[in-house]
Amino acid sequence: MKGHGSKFGRKKEAAIAALLAERNLAEAARVVGIDLSTLKRWLRRPEFSEEYRRARCEVVEQAHARVQLMTPVAASVLGKRVLSASLRDGR
């Protein structure tokens, strides 16, 4: 996001954070303290929608990286459980 003194503004940065965290537009607007119509208007503006899209992509990339890191551990745990269940069931 833009730095201090930029045209983007703290409310808009807070709105993007809320859009990423809240269930819907109405909740995001409420958390930020703006009207829903204001948030919808901001979403139609290229500067805001591009910054939101960039932030959303960053969140998705971070989640994807975490899943990749955890995949070997998850596979190991799953394998141990399957093996344990097989041995317990006499298979």
Protein backbone atom coordinates (compact mmCIF):
# COMPACT_ATOMS: atom_id res chain seq x y z
CA MET A 1 0.00 0.00 0.00
CA LYS A 2 1.04 3.59 -0.39
CA GLY A 3 3.04 5.41 2.24
CA HIS A 4 2.24 8.32 4.53
CA GLY A 5 1.06 11.45 2.76
CA SER A 6 -0.08 9.68 -0.37
CA LYS A 7 -3.34 10.35 -2.11
CA PHE A 8 -4.54 6.86 -1.33
CA GLY A 9 -5.42 7.56 2.28
CA ARG A 10 -5.73 5.65 5.52
CA LYS A 11 -9.47 4.99 5.17
CA LYS A 12 -8.93 3.35 1.81
CA GLU A 13 -6.07 1.24 3.17
CA ALA A 14 -8.31 0.23 6.08
CA ALA A 15 -11.10 -0.58 3.62
CA ILE A 16 -8.82 -2.91 1.66
CA ALA A 17 -7.74 -4.65 4.86
CA ALA A 18 -11.40 -5.01 5.87
CA LEU A 19 -12.34 -6.36 2.43
CA LEU A 20 -9.71 -9.05 2.91
CA ALA A 21 -10.84 -9.92 6.43
CA GLU A 22 -14.60 -9.48 6.59
CA ARG A 23 -17.39 -11.69 5.22
CA ASN A 24 -18.95 -9.16 2.87
CA LEU A 25 -18.92 -5.56 1.67
CA ALA A 26 -21.38 -4.37 4.31
CA GLU A 27 -19.25 -5.77 7.15
CA ALA A 28 -16.10 -4.26 5.64
CA ALA A 29 -17.75 -0.84 5.39
CA ARG A 30 -19.03 -1.07 8.96
CA VAL A 31 -15.61 -2.01 10.34
CA VAL A 32 -13.96 0.91 8.54
CA GLY A 33 -16.72 3.34 9.53
CA ILE A 34 -17.83 4.28 6.05
CA ASP A 35 -21.10 3.97 4.21
CA LEU A 36 -21.58 0.89 2.03
CA SER A 37 -22.23 3.14 -0.99
CA THR A 38 -18.83 4.79 -0.43
CA LEU A 39 -17.09 1.43 -0.44
CA LYS A 40 -18.91 0.39 -3.61
CA ARG A 41 -17.93 3.69 -5.27
CA TRP A 42 -14.28 3.15 -4.27
CA LEU A 43 -14.37 -0.35 -5.74
CA ARG A 44 -15.37 1.16 -9.10
CA ARG A 45 -12.30 3.43 -9.10
CA PRO A 46 -9.32 1.94 -10.94
CA GLU A 47 -6.74 3.08 -8.34
CA PHE A 48 -8.65 1.45 -5.47
CA SER A 49 -9.69 -1.71 -7.30
CA GLU A 50 -6.12 -2.27 -8.55
CA GLU A 51 -4.69 -1.86 -5.04
CA TYR A 52 -7.35 -4.23 -3.68
CA ARG A 53 -6.59 -6.79 -6.40
CA ARG A 54 -2.87 -6.55 -5.65
CA ALA A 55 -3.44 -7.04 -1.90
CA ARG A 56 -5.78 -9.97 -2.52
CA CYS A 57 -3.22 -11.64 -4.80
CA GLU A 58 -0.56 -11.18 -2.14
CA VAL A 59 -2.77 -12.86 0.48
CA VAL A 60 -3.50 -15.77 -1.86
CA GLU A 61 0.20 -16.19 -2.68
CA GLN A 62 1.08 -16.25 1.02
CA ALA A 63 -1.60 -18.85 1.72
CA HIS A 64 -0.38 -20.95 -1.18
CA ALA A 65 3.19 -20.81 0.14
CA ARG A 66 2.01 -21.94 3.59
CA VAL A 67 0.14 -24.88 2.07
CA GLN A 68 3.25 -25.86 0.12
CA LEU A 69 5.35 -25.74 3.28
CA MET A 70 2.88 -27.87 5.23
CA THR A 71 2.22 -30.48 2.54
CA PRO A 72 5.07 -32.85 3.53
CA VAL A 73 4.04 -32.71 7.19
CA ALA A 74 0.38 -33.29 6.33
CA ALA A 75 1.27 -36.23 4.07
CA SER A 76 3.42 -37.76 6.81
CA VAL A 77 0.68 -37.44 9.45
CA LEU A 78 -1.93 -38.83 7.07
CA GLY A 79 0.33 -41.75 6.15
CA LYS A 80 0.92 -42.60 9.81
CA ARG A 81 -2.81 -42.51 10.54
CA VAL A 82 -3.65 -44.72 7.58
CA LEU A 83 -0.94 -47.18 8.55
CA SER A 84 -2.09 -47.18 12.18
CA ALA A 85 -5.71 -47.76 11.17
CA SER A 86 -4.67 -50.59 8.85
CA LEU A 87 -2.66 -52.30 11.54
CA ARG A 88 -5.46 -51.86 14.07
CA ASP A 89 -8.01 -53.33 11.66
CA GLY A 90 -5.71 -56.24 10.81
CA ARG A 91 -5.22 -55.31 7.18
